């Protein structure tokens, strides 16, 4: 709104300056009127010539047409009088070129150029060469300026669209990564405990009931987390936003280790120098541990597993090792790096950290990640 007022004020000031300049020449007789033209008609032509400049933002096409008409009408007077509608028509052409269809503005430029040439050739005027030079220059510069504005606007729109697509892709990747971490971990625990329960249901009913309890707890936790994520997605469609879960803490990591331990292998957690997981880095550390433990439960066939968490000033590292079959194979066949390892690597890459996943020299597998962070994140 303010820019519109400023533009109209500038146009009004320019119209006044053009009218004063042309009117001064007309009053001083520097450019005498043709013998057949009465003084009042000359002054009326001069006054009407500035009208296209005043209406060009509201009605650019009528303003441009009016400017072309006034060029023809004022051509017999010549001099500064014909320069006024030329300037007004050029200003209207700028608006057409900057904010209208390119085909329309190009056609307007051609029509205006042809008119200026015809007027300079066929209408007697005190200064035909000056009219031709001034007219073509004013129209060409106006069109060029308007086209440059249009090109910048189109480029800015393309950049906004590109950034929007990039943001959507990144958000989809983040959601897919979160869904994979949650579902893969929980379903792996459920599948393992279901197999155990099915195997010992007749001979060891107590152990079968323990397996069912793990399945029940894991299912409830997974459903709750999935509801939170789906609630976030629905929140973008105008539905009420759900309360987001806080970033994982060390207590959550210990609970994760306990759940993985109930699925089969003995899992130990070793934390050193880290009273709390720092902000968003803690989310990544938790998910890396979750995915690594899922792979241990699902693929490794391990009997023991250790999660080591180390915190120094400005960085946190996590290491998950097991004594399973590693990448070489086992009951579930070869372990092929898939979305889990890719997701862990991407999480670390976001923070410019270090990541490795490799078999140990003799037996087992090791996942290691180091994530740097700003010390201020912990305080936040």
Protein backbone atom coordinates (compact mmCIF):
# COMPACT_ATOMS: atom_id res chain seq x y z
CA UNK A 1 0.00 0.00 0.00
CA UNK A 2 2.77 2.44 0.90
CA UNK A 3 4.69 1.66 -2.30
CA UNK A 4 1.55 2.34 -4.34
CA UNK A 5 1.12 5.75 -2.72
CA UNK A 6 4.78 6.57 -3.29
CA UNK A 7 4.56 5.60 -6.97
CA UNK A 8 1.49 7.76 -7.51
CA UNK A 9 3.13 10.68 -5.72
CA UNK A 10 6.23 10.38 -7.91
CA UNK A 11 4.08 10.26 -11.05
CA UNK A 12 2.15 13.34 -9.91
CA UNK A 13 5.38 15.23 -9.28
CA UNK A 14 6.76 14.19 -12.68
CA UNK A 15 3.52 15.31 -14.36
CA UNK A 16 3.75 18.70 -12.68
CA UNK A 17 7.40 19.13 -13.72
CA UNK A 18 6.64 18.17 -17.33
CA UNK A 19 3.62 20.50 -17.46
CA UNK A 20 5.58 23.39 -15.97
CA UNK A 21 8.51 22.87 -18.33
CA UNK A 22 6.40 22.52 -21.46
CA UNK A 23 4.00 25.26 -20.38
CA UNK A 24 6.88 27.65 -19.78
CA UNK A 25 8.16 27.12 -23.32
CA UNK A 26 4.66 27.52 -24.68
CA UNK A 27 4.05 30.72 -22.70
CA UNK A 28 7.39 32.18 -23.71
CA UNK A 29 6.67 31.48 -27.37
CA UNK A 30 9.76 29.30 -27.76
CA UNK A 31 7.61 26.88 -29.74
CA UNK A 32 4.87 28.87 -31.44
CA UNK A 33 1.57 27.19 -32.23
CA UNK A 34 0.57 26.52 -35.84
CA UNK A 35 -1.49 29.30 -37.36
CA UNK A 36 -4.69 27.24 -37.40
CA UNK A 37 -4.41 26.25 -33.67
CA UNK A 38 -5.97 28.53 -31.07
CA UNK A 39 -4.01 29.17 -27.80
CA UNK A 40 -6.60 27.46 -25.61
CA UNK A 41 -6.37 24.30 -27.77
CA UNK A 42 -2.57 24.30 -27.42
CA UNK A 43 -2.82 24.60 -23.67
CA UNK A 44 -5.47 21.87 -23.55
CA UNK A 45 -3.24 19.51 -25.56
CA UNK A 46 -0.35 20.23 -23.24
CA UNK A 47 -2.51 19.55 -20.16
CA UNK A 48 -4.03 16.33 -21.50
CA UNK A 49 -0.59 15.02 -22.47
CA UNK A 50 0.31 14.38 -18.81
CA UNK A 51 -2.87 12.38 -18.07
CA UNK A 52 -1.43 9.01 -19.23
CA UNK A 53 1.36 9.46 -16.72
CA UNK A 54 -1.13 9.86 -13.88
CA UNK A 55 -3.24 6.77 -14.71
CA UNK A 56 -0.57 4.34 -15.93
CA UNK A 57 -0.53 2.16 -12.75
CA UNK A 58 -4.31 1.80 -12.57
CA UNK A 59 -5.03 1.45 -16.29
CA UNK A 60 -1.76 0.81 -18.15
CA UNK A 61 -3.31 -0.11 -21.51
CA UNK A 62 -5.69 2.88 -21.72
CA UNK A 63 -2.83 5.09 -20.52
CA UNK A 64 -0.58 3.79 -23.29
CA UNK A 65 -3.26 4.25 -25.96
CA UNK A 66 -3.98 7.75 -24.67
CA UNK A 67 -0.26 8.55 -24.88
CA UNK A 68 -0.15 7.41 -28.52
CA UNK A 69 -3.17 9.58 -29.36
CA UNK A 70 -1.64 12.62 -27.70
CA UNK A 71 1.62 12.08 -29.62
CA UNK A 72 -0.33 12.46 -32.87
CA UNK A 73 -2.31 15.45 -31.58
CA UNK A 74 0.74 17.32 -30.24
CA UNK A 75 3.03 16.51 -33.17
CA UNK A 76 2.15 19.71 -35.10
CA UNK A 77 3.36 21.78 -32.14
CA UNK A 78 6.59 19.79 -31.77
CA UNK A 79 9.38 20.61 -29.36
CA UNK A 80 8.80 20.06 -25.62
CA UNK A 81 5.04 19.76 -26.14
CA UNK A 82 5.35 16.48 -28.08
CA UNK A 83 8.01 15.30 -25.63
CA UNK A 84 5.40 15.20 -22.82
CA UNK A 85 3.12 12.50 -24.37
CA UNK A 86 6.20 10.62 -25.55
CA UNK A 87 7.44 10.41 -21.98
CA UNK A 88 3.98 9.49 -20.71
CA UNK A 89 3.55 6.74 -23.31
CA UNK A 90 7.03 5.40 -22.44
CA UNK A 91 6.12 5.27 -18.74
CA UNK A 92 2.91 3.36 -19.53
CA UNK A 93 4.89 0.98 -21.76
CA UNK A 94 7.22 0.32 -18.80
CA UNK A 95 4.25 -0.86 -16.71
CA UNK A 96 3.03 -3.09 -19.54
CA UNK A 97 6.47 -4.63 -20.02
CA UNK A 98 7.12 -5.13 -16.29
CA UNK A 99 3.73 -6.48 -15.19
CA UNK A 100 1.84 -7.53 -18.31
CA UNK A 101 2.13 -10.38 -20.83
CA UNK A 102 5.34 -10.17 -22.80
CA UNK A 103 3.49 -10.61 -26.10
CA UNK A 104 1.29 -7.60 -25.32
CA UNK A 105 4.19 -5.36 -24.36
CA UNK A 106 6.18 -6.36 -27.45
CA UNK A 107 3.20 -5.57 -29.70
CA UNK A 108 2.79 -2.22 -27.93
CA UNK A 109 6.46 -1.36 -28.53
CA UNK A 110 6.16 -2.17 -32.25
CA UNK A 111 2.96 -0.14 -32.64
CA UNK A 112 4.48 2.83 -30.82
CA UNK A 113 7.67 2.69 -32.88
CA UNK A 114 5.75 2.60 -36.15
CA UNK A 115 3.57 5.51 -35.01
CA UNK A 116 6.59 7.65 -34.09
CA UNK A 117 8.16 7.05 -37.51
CA UNK A 118 4.92 7.83 -39.36
CA UNK A 119 4.31 10.96 -37.30
CA UNK A 120 7.85 12.20 -37.93
CA UNK A 121 7.50 11.63 -41.68
CA UNK A 122 3.93 12.72 -42.46
CA UNK A 123 2.98 15.35 -39.88
CA UNK A 124 4.67 18.73 -40.35
CA UNK A 125 6.54 19.67 -37.19
CA UNK A 126 9.29 22.12 -36.24
CA UNK A 127 11.58 19.27 -35.26
CA UNK A 128 10.88 15.94 -37.00
CA UNK A 129 14.41 14.48 -36.49
CA UNK A 130 14.36 15.34 -32.80
CA UNK A 131 10.89 13.82 -32.45
CA UNK A 132 12.04 10.59 -34.12
CA UNK A 133 15.21 10.32 -32.04
CA UNK A 134 13.55 11.20 -28.74
CA UNK A 135 10.54 8.98 -29.37
CA UNK A 136 12.40 5.83 -30.32
CA UNK A 137 14.92 6.27 -27.50
CA UNK A 138 12.25 6.86 -24.84
CA UNK A 139 10.16 3.90 -25.93
CA UNK A 140 13.14 1.56 -26.26
CA UNK A 141 14.57 2.47 -22.85
CA UNK A 142 11.15 2.17 -21.20
CA UNK A 143 10.57 -1.28 -22.67
CA UNK A 144 14.07 -2.46 -21.73
CA UNK A 145 13.66 -1.31 -18.13
CA UNK A 146 10.24 -2.95 -17.85
CA UNK A 147 11.46 -6.21 -19.38
CA UNK A 148 14.40 -6.33 -16.94
CA UNK A 149 11.96 -5.97 -14.02
CA UNK A 150 9.81 -8.76 -15.47
CA UNK A 151 12.84 -11.02 -15.88
CA UNK A 152 13.91 -10.42 -12.26
CA UNK A 153 10.39 -11.15 -11.01
CA UNK A 154 10.22 -14.39 -12.99
CA UNK A 155 13.64 -15.42 -11.73
CA UNK A 156 12.60 -14.68 -8.14
CA UNK A 157 9.42 -16.72 -8.62
CA UNK A 158 11.44 -19.65 -9.98
CA UNK A 159 13.81 -19.45 -7.01
CA UNK A 160 10.88 -19.41 -4.58
CA UNK A 161 9.38 -22.44 -6.32
CA UNK A 162 12.72 -24.23 -6.24
CA UNK A 163 13.17 -23.50 -2.55
CA UNK A 164 9.60 -24.65 -1.85
CA UNK A 165 10.17 -27.95 -3.69
CA UNK A 166 13.46 -28.39 -1.86
CA UNK A 167 11.82 -27.74 1.49
CA UNK A 168 9.06 -30.25 0.70
CA UNK A 169 11.62 -32.87 -0.36
CA UNK A 170 13.68 -32.33 2.78
CA UNK A 171 10.58 -32.57 4.96
CA UNK A 172 9.48 -35.77 3.21
CA UNK A 173 12.93 -37.22 3.72
CA UNK A 174 12.88 -36.26 7.40
CA UNK A 175 9.45 -37.80 7.93
CA UNK A 176 10.43 -40.95 6.02
CA UNK A 177 13.55 -41.25 8.14
CA UNK A 178 11.57 -40.83 11.37
CA UNK A 179 8.95 -43.35 10.24
CA UNK A 180 11.64 -45.83 9.27
CA UNK A 181 13.42 -45.48 12.60
CA UNK A 182 10.24 -45.94 14.62
CA UNK A 183 8.64 -48.72 12.59
CA UNK A 184 11.80 -50.69 11.86
CA UNK A 185 12.93 -50.71 15.47
CA UNK A 186 9.54 -51.56 16.96
CA UNK A 187 8.55 -54.15 14.37
CA UNK A 188 11.91 -55.86 14.74
CA UNK A 189 11.39 -56.18 18.49
CA UNK A 190 7.85 -57.40 17.98
CA UNK A 191 8.91 -59.93 15.35
CA UNK A 192 11.72 -61.31 17.51
CA UNK A 193 9.57 -61.60 20.63
CA UNK A 194 6.68 -63.10 18.65
CA UNK A 195 9.01 -65.77 17.31
CA UNK A 196 10.29 -66.46 20.83
CA UNK A 197 6.77 -66.62 22.24
CA UNK A 198 5.62 -68.97 19.51
CA UNK A 199 8.62 -71.23 20.09
CA UNK A 200 8.23 -71.56 23.87
CA UNK A 201 4.45 -71.20 24.19
CA UNK A 202 3.89 -74.82 25.16
CA UNK A 203 7.05 -75.64 27.09
CA UNK A 204 7.73 -72.29 28.81
CA UNK A 205 4.46 -70.35 29.16
CA UNK A 206 6.00 -67.81 31.55
CA UNK A 207 8.62 -66.81 28.99
CA UNK A 208 5.89 -66.66 26.36
CA UNK A 209 3.92 -64.24 28.57
CA UNK A 210 7.08 -62.11 28.96
CA UNK A 211 7.36 -61.98 25.18
CA UNK A 212 3.73 -60.91 24.88
CA UNK A 213 4.28 -58.15 27.46
CA UNK A 214 7.22 -56.81 25.42
CA UNK A 215 5.08 -56.91 22.28
CA UNK A 216 2.26 -55.09 24.05
CA UNK A 217 4.49 -52.35 25.49
CA UNK A 218 6.37 -51.85 22.24
CA UNK A 219 3.15 -51.69 20.21
CA UNK A 220 1.65 -49.04 22.49
CA UNK A 221 4.79 -46.89 22.41
CA UNK A 222 5.00 -47.20 18.63
CA UNK A 223 1.35 -46.28 18.13
CA UNK A 224 1.76 -43.24 20.36
CA UNK A 225 4.79 -42.03 18.43
CA UNK A 226 3.13 -42.65 15.07
CA UNK A 227 0.08 -40.67 16.22
CA UNK A 228 2.34 -37.75 17.12
CA UNK A 229 3.98 -37.77 13.70
CA UNK A 230 0.67 -38.13 11.88
CA UNK A 231 -0.72 -35.33 14.02
CA UNK A 232 2.09 -33.07 12.84
CA UNK A 233 1.27 -33.91 9.22
CA UNK A 234 -2.44 -33.24 9.73
CA UNK A 235 -1.62 -29.96 11.44
CA UNK A 236 -0.52 -28.59 8.05
CA UNK A 237 -4.05 -29.14 6.69
CA UNK A 238 -5.72 -26.68 9.07
CA UNK A 239 -6.45 -29.18 11.84
CA UNK A 240 -5.48 -28.41 15.44
CA UNK A 241 -1.79 -28.92 16.09
CA UNK A 242 -0.79 -31.71 18.42
CA UNK A 243 1.65 -31.39 21.25
CA UNK A 244 5.06 -32.40 20.05
CA UNK A 245 7.08 -34.81 22.12
CA UNK A 246 10.17 -33.30 23.75
CA UNK A 247 13.63 -34.19 22.50
CA UNK A 248 14.85 -37.58 23.79
CA UNK A 249 16.78 -37.57 27.07
CA UNK A 250 19.21 -40.01 28.61
CA UNK A 251 16.26 -41.63 30.36
CA UNK A 252 14.68 -42.31 26.95
CA UNK A 253 17.95 -43.80 25.73
CA UNK A 254 18.12 -46.08 28.76
CA UNK A 255 14.53 -47.18 28.11
CA UNK A 256 15.47 -47.90 24.51
CA UNK A 257 18.41 -50.03 25.64
CA UNK A 258 16.18 -51.94 28.07
CA UNK A 259 13.63 -52.70 25.35
CA UNK A 260 16.35 -53.93 23.02
CA UNK A 261 17.72 -56.10 25.82
CA UNK A 262 14.33 -57.72 26.34
CA UNK A 263 14.30 -58.70 22.66
CA UNK A 264 17.27 -61.04 23.04
CA UNK A 265 20.84 -59.81 23.39
CA UNK A 266 22.24 -58.44 26.62
CA UNK A 267 22.61 -54.68 26.07
CA UNK A 268 24.74 -52.43 28.29
CA UNK A 269 24.73 -48.61 28.27
CA UNK A 270 27.86 -46.68 29.20
CA UNK A 271 27.54 -42.88 29.49
CA UNK A 272 30.49 -40.61 30.24
CA UNK A 273 30.81 -36.84 30.51
CA UNK A 274 27.30 -36.05 29.28
CA UNK A 275 24.67 -35.02 31.84
CA UNK A 276 22.06 -34.48 29.13
CA UNK A 277 21.59 -34.89 25.39
CA UNK A 278 21.97 -31.47 23.71
CA UNK A 279 18.90 -30.26 21.83
CA UNK A 280 18.39 -31.48 18.27
CA UNK A 281 21.65 -33.40 18.40
CA UNK A 282 20.07 -35.57 21.06
CA UNK A 283 17.31 -36.53 18.62
CA UNK A 284 19.90 -37.70 16.12
CA UNK A 285 21.89 -39.58 18.77
CA UNK A 286 18.74 -41.34 19.95
CA UNK A 287 17.72 -42.33 16.41
CA UNK A 288 21.22 -43.57 15.57
CA UNK A 289 21.21 -45.73 18.69
CA UNK A 290 17.71 -46.94 17.86
CA UNK A 291 18.65 -47.94 14.32
CA UNK A 292 21.91 -49.58 15.40
CA UNK A 293 20.11 -51.63 18.07
CA UNK A 294 17.44 -52.59 15.55
CA UNK A 295 20.14 -53.98 13.27
CA UNK A 296 21.67 -55.87 16.19
CA UNK A 297 18.35 -57.45 17.12
CA UNK A 298 17.31 -58.15 13.54
CA UNK A 299 20.53 -59.18 11.80
CA UNK A 300 23.46 -59.72 14.12
CA UNK A 301 22.45 -62.80 16.08
CA UNK A 302 24.48 -61.32 18.92
CA UNK A 303 24.49 -62.36 22.56
CA UNK A 304 25.90 -59.07 23.90
CA UNK A 305 25.84 -55.48 22.77
CA UNK A 306 27.30 -52.29 24.25
CA UNK A 307 26.22 -48.69 23.70
CA UNK A 308 28.87 -46.11 24.62
CA UNK A 309 27.96 -42.44 24.80
CA UNK A 310 30.72 -39.87 25.27
CA UNK A 311 30.30 -36.15 25.68
CA UNK A 312 33.04 -33.54 25.40
CA UNK A 313 32.70 -29.79 25.14
CA UNK A 314 31.19 -29.11 21.75
CA UNK A 315 30.70 -32.70 20.58
CA UNK A 316 29.02 -35.99 21.43
CA UNK A 317 29.92 -39.46 20.18
CA UNK A 318 28.03 -42.73 20.22
CA UNK A 319 29.40 -46.19 19.59
CA UNK A 320 27.34 -49.38 19.32
CA UNK A 321 29.23 -52.69 19.18
CA UNK A 322 28.05 -56.29 19.29
CA UNK A 323 29.53 -59.79 19.12
CA UNK A 324 27.28 -61.03 16.35
CA UNK A 325 27.95 -62.20 12.82
CA UNK A 326 28.58 -58.72 11.43
CA UNK A 327 28.14 -58.23 7.70
CA UNK A 328 29.22 -61.74 6.85
CA UNK A 329 25.78 -63.29 7.16
CA UNK A 330 23.95 -65.54 9.54
CA UNK A 331 20.51 -66.91 10.08
CA UNK A 332 18.91 -63.98 8.30
CA UNK A 333 21.35 -63.99 5.39
CA UNK A 334 23.83 -61.30 4.41
CA UNK A 335 23.30 -57.87 5.91
CA UNK A 336 23.07 -55.39 3.06
CA UNK A 337 23.37 -51.69 3.96
CA UNK A 338 19.96 -50.14 3.37
CA UNK A 339 17.81 -47.22 4.47
CA UNK A 340 18.89 -47.58 8.10
CA UNK A 341 22.59 -46.95 7.50
CA UNK A 342 21.76 -44.26 4.94
CA UNK A 343 19.50 -42.52 7.47
CA UNK A 344 22.19 -42.63 10.17
CA UNK A 345 24.76 -41.21 7.78
CA UNK A 346 22.39 -38.40 6.75
CA UNK A 347 21.67 -37.48 10.35
CA UNK A 348 25.37 -37.14 11.05
CA UNK A 349 25.98 -35.21 7.82
CA UNK A 350 23.44 -32.57 8.89
CA UNK A 351 25.80 -31.59 11.73
CA UNK A 352 29.00 -32.04 9.74
CA UNK A 353 30.04 -34.97 11.91
CA UNK A 354 31.83 -38.28 11.45
CA UNK A 355 30.15 -41.65 10.82
CA UNK A 356 31.34 -45.21 10.24
CA UNK A 357 29.69 -48.63 10.18
CA UNK A 358 31.99 -51.62 9.75
CA UNK A 359 32.60 -55.19 10.94
CA UNK A 360 35.04 -55.73 13.78
CA UNK A 361 38.30 -57.58 13.06
CA UNK A 362 37.33 -60.88 14.68
CA UNK A 363 33.62 -60.89 15.36
CA UNK A 364 30.76 -58.47 15.55
CA UNK A 365 29.93 -55.07 14.13
CA UNK A 366 30.58 -51.46 15.12
CA UNK A 367 28.58 -48.32 14.46
CA UNK A 368 30.24 -45.04 15.40
CA UNK A 369 29.07 -41.44 15.07
CA UNK A 370 30.51 -38.15 16.30
CA UNK A 371 28.33 -35.04 16.13
CA UNK A 372 29.64 -31.55 16.90
CA UNK A 373 27.31 -28.95 18.37
CA UNK A 374 27.36 -25.46 19.78
CA UNK A 375 27.78 -25.36 23.54
CA UNK A 376 24.86 -22.92 23.69
CA UNK A 377 22.53 -25.69 22.47
CA UNK A 378 22.79 -27.47 25.81
CA UNK A 379 21.81 -24.37 27.73
CA UNK A 380 18.90 -23.84 25.33
